[in-house]
Amino acid sequence: MTVTAYALAVVLNLFCLFLGYQFLFRPASAATGYGVPARPDGDAGAYLSIKGLRDGTFGLVGLALLLFVGARAEAWFMLAVAIVPLCDTLIVLRHGGAKAVAFGIHFATAVVVLISAGLLFAV
């Protein structure tokens, strides 16, 4: 179970880094994949940059906790961070995004993050 717990945590943190990169360097396609495309007539640059920095930072902090502090600290981090994809689900739904994206991507991510937290607490 230890290998699974650590592997899942590392994959989730690397995925956050990937998402951060996507929003910083390929913002339009990343926003569409998020479920709420950036409006061409608005100032989407700030929103996309903030999202990229947020996700990238979560990935770095998660990896640092796992490497330097341990599984228990990472588990608490994952538990707290699960709020983000849960809120992302609501954001996508509130702004007319597809339910499939809201639940299939964001809500499912929250569930996986919570599973990761549970596995890390069990280690």
N, C-alpha and C. Protein backbone atom coordinates (compact mmCIF):
# COMPACT_ATOMS: atom_id res chain seq x y z
N MET A 1 0.82 -1.19 0.00
CA MET A 1 0.00 0.00 0.00
C MET A 1 0.87 1.26 0.00
N THR A 2 2.04 1.19 0.60
CA THR A 2 2.93 2.35 0.66
C THR A 2 3.32 2.82 -0.74
N VAL A 3 3.68 1.87 -1.59
CA VAL A 3 4.08 2.23 -2.95
C VAL A 3 2.91 2.88 -3.69
N THR A 4 1.73 2.34 -3.54
CA THR A 4 0.54 2.90 -4.19
C THR A 4 0.26 4.31 -3.68
N ALA A 5 0.34 4.49 -2.37
CA ALA A 5 0.06 5.80 -1.77
C ALA A 5 1.05 6.85 -2.29
N TYR A 6 2.32 6.51 -2.28
CA TYR A 6 3.33 7.46 -2.74
C TYR A 6 3.23 7.70 -4.25
N ALA A 7 3.00 6.63 -5.00
CA ALA A 7 2.90 6.76 -6.46
C ALA A 7 1.73 7.66 -6.85
N LEU A 8 0.58 7.44 -6.23
CA LEU A 8 -0.59 8.25 -6.54
C LEU A 8 -0.34 9.71 -6.18
N ALA A 9 0.28 9.95 -5.04
CA ALA A 9 0.58 11.33 -4.62
C ALA A 9 1.54 11.99 -5.60
N VAL A 10 2.56 11.28 -6.02
CA VAL A 10 3.52 11.85 -6.98
C VAL A 10 2.83 12.15 -8.30
N VAL A 11 2.01 11.22 -8.79
CA VAL A 11 1.30 11.44 -10.06
C VAL A 11 0.38 12.65 -9.96
N LEU A 12 -0.36 12.78 -8.87
CA LEU A 12 -1.25 13.93 -8.71
C LEU A 12 -0.47 15.24 -8.66
N ASN A 13 0.65 15.25 -7.96
CA ASN A 13 1.47 16.47 -7.90
C ASN A 13 2.09 16.81 -9.24
N LEU A 14 2.56 15.81 -9.96
CA LEU A 14 3.11 16.06 -11.30
C LEU A 14 2.01 16.55 -12.24
N PHE A 15 0.81 16.02 -12.08
CA PHE A 15 -0.31 16.47 -12.89
C PHE A 15 -0.61 17.94 -12.62
N CYS A 16 -0.53 18.36 -11.36
CA CYS A 16 -0.72 19.78 -11.03
C CYS A 16 0.35 20.64 -11.72
N LEU A 17 1.58 20.17 -11.72
CA LEU A 17 2.63 20.91 -12.42
C LEU A 17 2.33 21.00 -13.91
N PHE A 18 1.86 19.91 -14.50
CA PHE A 18 1.50 19.90 -15.91
C PHE A 18 0.38 20.89 -16.19
N LEU A 19 -0.65 20.89 -15.33
CA LEU A 19 -1.75 21.83 -15.52
C LEU A 19 -1.26 23.27 -15.40
N GLY A 20 -0.39 23.52 -14.45
CA GLY A 20 0.17 24.86 -14.30
C GLY A 20 0.89 25.30 -15.56
N TYR A 21 1.70 24.40 -16.11
CA TYR A 21 2.41 24.69 -17.36
C TYR A 21 1.42 24.99 -18.48
N GLN A 22 0.39 24.15 -18.60
CA GLN A 22 -0.61 24.33 -19.66
C GLN A 22 -1.27 25.71 -19.57
N PHE A 23 -1.68 26.12 -18.38
CA PHE A 23 -2.36 27.40 -18.22
C PHE A 23 -1.43 28.58 -18.42
N LEU A 24 -0.15 28.40 -18.15
CA LEU A 24 0.80 29.50 -18.36
C LEU A 24 1.25 29.61 -19.81
N PHE A 25 1.40 28.47 -20.49
CA PHE A 25 1.99 28.49 -21.83
C PHE A 25 1.05 28.09 -22.96
N ARG A 26 -0.08 27.52 -22.66
CA ARG A 26 -1.12 27.18 -23.66
C ARG A 26 -2.48 27.51 -23.06
N PRO A 27 -2.67 28.77 -22.73
CA PRO A 27 -3.84 29.14 -21.92
C PRO A 27 -5.20 28.90 -22.57
N ALA A 28 -5.35 29.16 -23.84
CA ALA A 28 -6.67 29.03 -24.46
C ALA A 28 -7.15 27.58 -24.45
N SER A 29 -6.28 26.66 -24.85
CA SER A 29 -6.70 25.25 -24.86
C SER A 29 -6.87 24.71 -23.45
N ALA A 30 -6.06 25.19 -22.51
CA ALA A 30 -6.20 24.75 -21.11
C ALA A 30 -7.53 25.22 -20.54
N ALA A 31 -7.92 26.44 -20.84
CA ALA A 31 -9.19 26.97 -20.34
C ALA A 31 -10.37 26.19 -20.91
N THR A 32 -10.30 25.83 -22.17
CA THR A 32 -11.36 25.04 -22.78
C THR A 32 -11.45 23.68 -22.10
N GLY A 33 -10.31 23.07 -21.84
CA GLY A 33 -10.29 21.78 -21.16
C GLY A 33 -10.79 21.86 -19.73
N TYR A 34 -10.64 23.01 -19.11
CA TYR A 34 -11.14 23.23 -17.74
C TYR A 34 -12.66 23.17 -17.70
N GLY A 35 -13.28 23.57 -18.79
CA GLY A 35 -14.73 23.52 -18.85
C GLY A 35 -15.38 24.88 -18.96
N VAL A 36 -14.61 25.93 -18.78
CA VAL A 36 -15.11 27.30 -18.93
C VAL A 36 -14.11 28.03 -19.81
N PRO A 37 -14.36 28.07 -21.12
CA PRO A 37 -13.40 28.71 -22.01
C PRO A 37 -13.23 30.19 -21.70
N ALA A 38 -12.03 30.68 -21.94
CA ALA A 38 -11.75 32.10 -21.74
C ALA A 38 -12.46 32.89 -22.83
N ARG A 39 -13.08 33.97 -22.44
CA ARG A 39 -13.79 34.80 -23.41
C ARG A 39 -12.79 35.68 -24.16
N PRO A 40 -12.86 35.67 -25.47
CA PRO A 40 -11.91 36.46 -26.24
C PRO A 40 -12.08 37.97 -26.04
N ASP A 41 -13.28 38.40 -25.63
CA ASP A 41 -13.51 39.83 -25.46
C ASP A 41 -13.14 40.32 -24.06
N GLY A 42 -12.80 39.43 -23.16
CA GLY A 42 -12.45 39.82 -21.79
C GLY A 42 -10.96 39.72 -21.56
N ASP A 43 -10.54 40.07 -20.36
CA ASP A 43 -9.12 39.96 -19.99
C ASP A 43 -8.89 38.60 -19.33
N ALA A 44 -8.79 37.59 -20.16
CA ALA A 44 -8.63 36.23 -19.65
C ALA A 44 -7.21 35.95 -19.21
N GLY A 45 -6.27 36.77 -19.63
CA GLY A 45 -4.86 36.52 -19.31
C GLY A 45 -4.60 36.39 -17.82
N ALA A 46 -5.19 37.26 -17.03
CA ALA A 46 -4.97 37.21 -15.58
C ALA A 46 -5.56 35.94 -14.99
N TYR A 47 -6.78 35.62 -15.38
CA TYR A 47 -7.43 34.40 -14.87
C TYR A 47 -6.60 33.17 -15.19
N LEU A 48 -6.15 33.07 -16.42
CA LEU A 48 -5.40 31.90 -16.85
C LEU A 48 -4.04 31.82 -16.16
N SER A 49 -3.39 32.95 -15.97
CA SER A 49 -2.10 32.97 -15.28
C SER A 49 -2.26 32.58 -13.81
N ILE A 50 -3.30 33.11 -13.18
CA ILE A 50 -3.55 32.77 -11.77
C ILE A 50 -3.80 31.28 -11.63
N LYS A 51 -4.62 30.73 -12.51
CA LYS A 51 -4.91 29.30 -12.48
C LYS A 51 -3.64 28.50 -12.68
N GLY A 52 -2.79 28.91 -13.60
CA GLY A 52 -1.54 28.20 -13.85
C GLY A 52 -0.61 28.25 -12.65
N LEU A 53 -0.48 29.42 -12.06
CA LEU A 53 0.39 29.54 -10.88
C LEU A 53 -0.17 28.76 -9.70
N ARG A 54 -1.47 28.78 -9.51
CA ARG A 54 -2.10 28.03 -8.42
C ARG A 54 -1.82 26.55 -8.57
N ASP A 55 -2.11 26.00 -9.73
CA ASP A 55 -1.93 24.57 -9.93
C ASP A 55 -0.47 24.16 -9.85
N GLY A 56 0.40 24.95 -10.47
CA GLY A 56 1.82 24.64 -10.42
C GLY A 56 2.37 24.69 -9.01
N THR A 57 1.93 25.66 -8.24
CA THR A 57 2.38 25.78 -6.85
C THR A 57 1.90 24.60 -6.02
N PHE A 58 0.65 24.19 -6.22
CA PHE A 58 0.16 23.01 -5.50
C PHE A 58 1.03 21.79 -5.80
N GLY A 59 1.42 21.62 -7.05
CA GLY A 59 2.27 20.49 -7.40
C GLY A 59 3.62 20.55 -6.73
N LEU A 60 4.23 21.73 -6.73
CA LEU A 60 5.55 21.87 -6.09
C LEU A 60 5.48 21.68 -4.58
N VAL A 61 4.49 22.28 -3.95
CA VAL A 61 4.33 22.13 -2.50
C VAL A 61 4.07 20.67 -2.14
N GLY A 62 3.21 20.03 -2.91
CA GLY A 62 2.92 18.62 -2.64
C GLY A 62 4.16 17.75 -2.75
N LEU A 63 4.95 17.95 -3.79
CA LEU A 63 6.18 17.17 -3.94
C LEU A 63 7.17 17.47 -2.82
N ALA A 64 7.28 18.74 -2.45
CA ALA A 64 8.19 19.11 -1.36
C ALA A 64 7.76 18.46 -0.04
N LEU A 65 6.49 18.49 0.26
CA LEU A 65 6.00 17.86 1.48
C LEU A 65 6.29 16.37 1.48
N LEU A 66 6.03 15.74 0.37
CA LEU A 66 6.25 14.30 0.27
C LEU A 66 7.72 13.95 0.43
N LEU A 67 8.57 14.74 -0.20
CA LEU A 67 10.02 14.46 -0.14
C LEU A 67 10.66 14.81 1.19
N PHE A 68 10.29 15.94 1.76
CA PHE A 68 11.03 16.45 2.91
C PHE A 68 10.33 16.29 4.25
N VAL A 69 9.01 16.07 4.24
CA VAL A 69 8.29 15.96 5.51
C VAL A 69 7.71 14.57 5.68
N GLY A 70 7.06 14.05 4.67
CA GLY A 70 6.56 12.69 4.77
C GLY A 70 5.10 12.55 4.39
N ALA A 71 4.64 11.31 4.49
CA ALA A 71 3.30 10.94 4.03
C ALA A 71 2.19 11.63 4.81
N ARG A 72 2.36 11.77 6.10
CA ARG A 72 1.28 12.36 6.92
C ARG A 72 1.05 13.83 6.54
N ALA A 73 2.12 14.58 6.36
CA ALA A 73 1.98 15.98 5.95
C ALA A 73 1.36 16.08 4.57
N GLU A 74 1.77 15.20 3.68
CA GLU A 74 1.19 15.18 2.33
C GLU A 74 -0.29 14.82 2.39
N ALA A 75 -0.66 13.90 3.28
CA ALA A 75 -2.06 13.51 3.42
C ALA A 75 -2.92 14.71 3.85
N TRP A 76 -2.44 15.48 4.82
CA TRP A 76 -3.18 16.66 5.26
C TRP A 76 -3.27 17.69 4.13
N PHE A 77 -2.18 17.83 3.40
CA PHE A 77 -2.17 18.74 2.25
C PHE A 77 -3.21 18.31 1.22
N MET A 78 -3.23 17.02 0.89
CA MET A 78 -4.18 16.51 -0.09
C MET A 78 -5.62 16.71 0.39
N LEU A 79 -5.84 16.48 1.67
CA LEU A 79 -7.17 16.68 2.23
C LEU A 79 -7.62 18.13 2.05
N ALA A 80 -6.73 19.06 2.34
CA ALA A 80 -7.06 20.49 2.19
C ALA A 80 -7.22 20.88 0.73
N VAL A 81 -6.36 20.37 -0.12
CA VAL A 81 -6.37 20.74 -1.54
C VAL A 81 -7.58 20.16 -2.27
N ALA A 82 -8.20 19.13 -1.73
CA ALA A 82 -9.38 18.53 -2.37
C ALA A 82 -10.51 19.55 -2.50
N ILE A 83 -10.46 20.60 -1.71
CA ILE A 83 -11.46 21.66 -1.81
C ILE A 83 -11.42 22.32 -3.20
N VAL A 84 -10.25 22.42 -3.77
CA VAL A 84 -10.10 23.11 -5.05
C VAL A 84 -10.87 22.42 -6.18
N PRO A 85 -10.67 21.13 -6.45
CA PRO A 85 -11.47 20.55 -7.53
C PRO A 85 -12.96 20.47 -7.21
N LEU A 86 -13.31 20.40 -5.92
CA LEU A 86 -14.73 20.45 -5.57
C LEU A 86 -15.32 21.80 -5.96
N CYS A 87 -14.59 22.86 -5.66
CA CYS A 87 -15.06 24.20 -6.05
C CYS A 87 -14.99 24.40 -7.56
N ASP A 88 -13.99 23.82 -8.20
CA ASP A 88 -13.92 23.89 -9.67
C ASP A 88 -15.17 23.25 -10.29
N THR A 89 -15.66 22.17 -9.69
CA THR A 89 -16.90 21.54 -10.16
C THR A 89 -18.03 22.55 -10.15
N LEU A 90 -18.17 23.26 -9.03
CA LEU A 90 -19.23 24.25 -8.91
C LEU A 90 -19.05 25.42 -9.88
N ILE A 91 -17.81 25.83 -10.07
CA ILE A 91 -17.53 26.94 -10.99
C ILE A 91 -17.95 26.58 -12.41
N VAL A 92 -17.57 25.39 -12.84
CA VAL A 92 -17.92 24.96 -14.20
C VAL A 92 -19.44 24.89 -14.35
N LEU A 93 -20.13 24.33 -13.37
CA LEU A 93 -21.59 24.23 -13.43
C LEU A 93 -22.24 25.62 -13.41
N ARG A 94 -21.74 26.48 -12.56
CA ARG A 94 -22.31 27.82 -12.40
C ARG A 94 -22.17 28.67 -13.66
N HIS A 95 -21.11 28.41 -14.43
CA HIS A 95 -20.84 29.22 -15.61
C HIS A 95 -21.22 28.52 -16.91
N GLY A 96 -22.13 27.57 -16.81
CA GLY A 96 -22.69 26.96 -18.01
C GLY A 96 -21.82 25.91 -18.66
N GLY A 97 -20.82 25.42 -17.96
CA GLY A 97 -19.98 24.37 -18.53
C GLY A 97 -20.71 23.04 -18.55
N ALA A 98 -20.15 22.11 -19.26
CA ALA A 98 -20.77 20.79 -19.39
C ALA A 98 -20.72 20.03 -18.08
N LYS A 99 -21.83 19.36 -17.76
CA LYS A 99 -21.87 18.54 -16.54
C LYS A 99 -20.86 17.41 -16.62
N ALA A 100 -20.63 16.90 -17.83
CA ALA A 100 -19.66 15.82 -18.00
C ALA A 100 -18.27 16.28 -17.59
N VAL A 101 -17.91 17.50 -17.92
CA VAL A 101 -16.61 18.05 -17.53
C VAL A 101 -16.59 18.31 -16.03
N ALA A 102 -17.66 18.92 -15.52
CA ALA A 102 -17.71 19.25 -14.10
C ALA A 102 -17.54 18.00 -13.24
N PHE A 103 -18.31 16.97 -13.55
CA PHE A 103 -18.27 15.77 -12.72
C PHE A 103 -17.19 14.79 -13.18
N GLY A 104 -17.00 14.66 -14.49
CA GLY A 104 -16.04 13.69 -15.02
C GLY A 104 -14.60 14.09 -14.84
N ILE A 105 -14.34 15.39 -14.74
CA ILE A 105 -12.95 15.85 -14.54
C ILE A 105 -12.77 16.37 -13.12
N HIS A 106 -13.50 17.42 -12.76
CA HIS A 106 -13.24 18.10 -11.50
C HIS A 106 -13.69 17.30 -10.28
N PHE A 107 -14.92 16.81 -10.29
CA PHE A 107 -15.40 16.04 -9.15
C PHE A 107 -14.62 14.74 -9.02
N ALA A 108 -14.35 14.10 -10.16
CA ALA A 108 -13.57 12.86 -10.13
C ALA A 108 -12.16 13.12 -9.59
N THR A 109 -11.59 14.26 -9.93
CA THR A 109 -10.28 14.62 -9.40
C THR A 109 -10.34 14.76 -7.89
N ALA A 110 -11.37 15.41 -7.38
CA ALA A 110 -11.53 15.57 -5.93
C ALA A 110 -11.60 14.21 -5.25
N VAL A 111 -12.31 13.29 -5.84
CA VAL A 111 -12.43 11.94 -5.28
C VAL A 111 -11.06 11.25 -5.25
N VAL A 112 -10.32 11.36 -6.34
CA VAL A 112 -9.00 10.74 -6.40
C VAL A 112 -8.05 11.38 -5.38
N VAL A 113 -8.13 12.69 -5.23
CA VAL A 113 -7.28 13.38 -4.24
C VAL A 113 -7.64 12.91 -2.83
N LEU A 114 -8.92 12.74 -2.54
CA LEU A 114 -9.34 12.25 -1.24
C LEU A 114 -8.90 10.81 -1.01
N ILE A 115 -8.95 9.99 -2.05
CA ILE A 115 -8.43 8.63 -1.95
C ILE A 115 -6.94 8.65 -1.65
N SER A 116 -6.23 9.53 -2.36
CA SER A 116 -4.79 9.68 -2.11
C SER A 116 -4.52 10.06 -0.66
N ALA A 117 -5.29 11.01 -0.14
CA ALA A 117 -5.13 11.41 1.26
C ALA A 117 -5.36 10.24 2.19
N GLY A 118 -6.41 9.48 1.93
CA GLY A 118 -6.70 8.31 2.76
C GLY A 118 -5.59 7.27 2.73
N LEU A 119 -5.06 7.02 1.54
CA LEU A 119 -3.95 6.06 1.44
C LEU A 119 -2.71 6.58 2.19
N LEU A 120 -2.44 7.86 2.07
CA LEU A 120 -1.28 8.43 2.76
C LEU A 120 -1.46 8.41 4.27
N PHE A 121 -2.67 8.64 4.76
CA PHE A 121 -2.92 8.53 6.21
C PHE A 121 -2.71 7.09 6.68
N ALA A 122 -3.01 6.13 5.82
CA ALA A 122 -2.89 4.72 6.19
C ALA A 122 -1.45 4.22 6.20
N VAL A 123 -0.55 4.94 5.56
CA VAL A 123 0.86 4.53 5.48
C VAL A 123 1.54 4.72 6.81
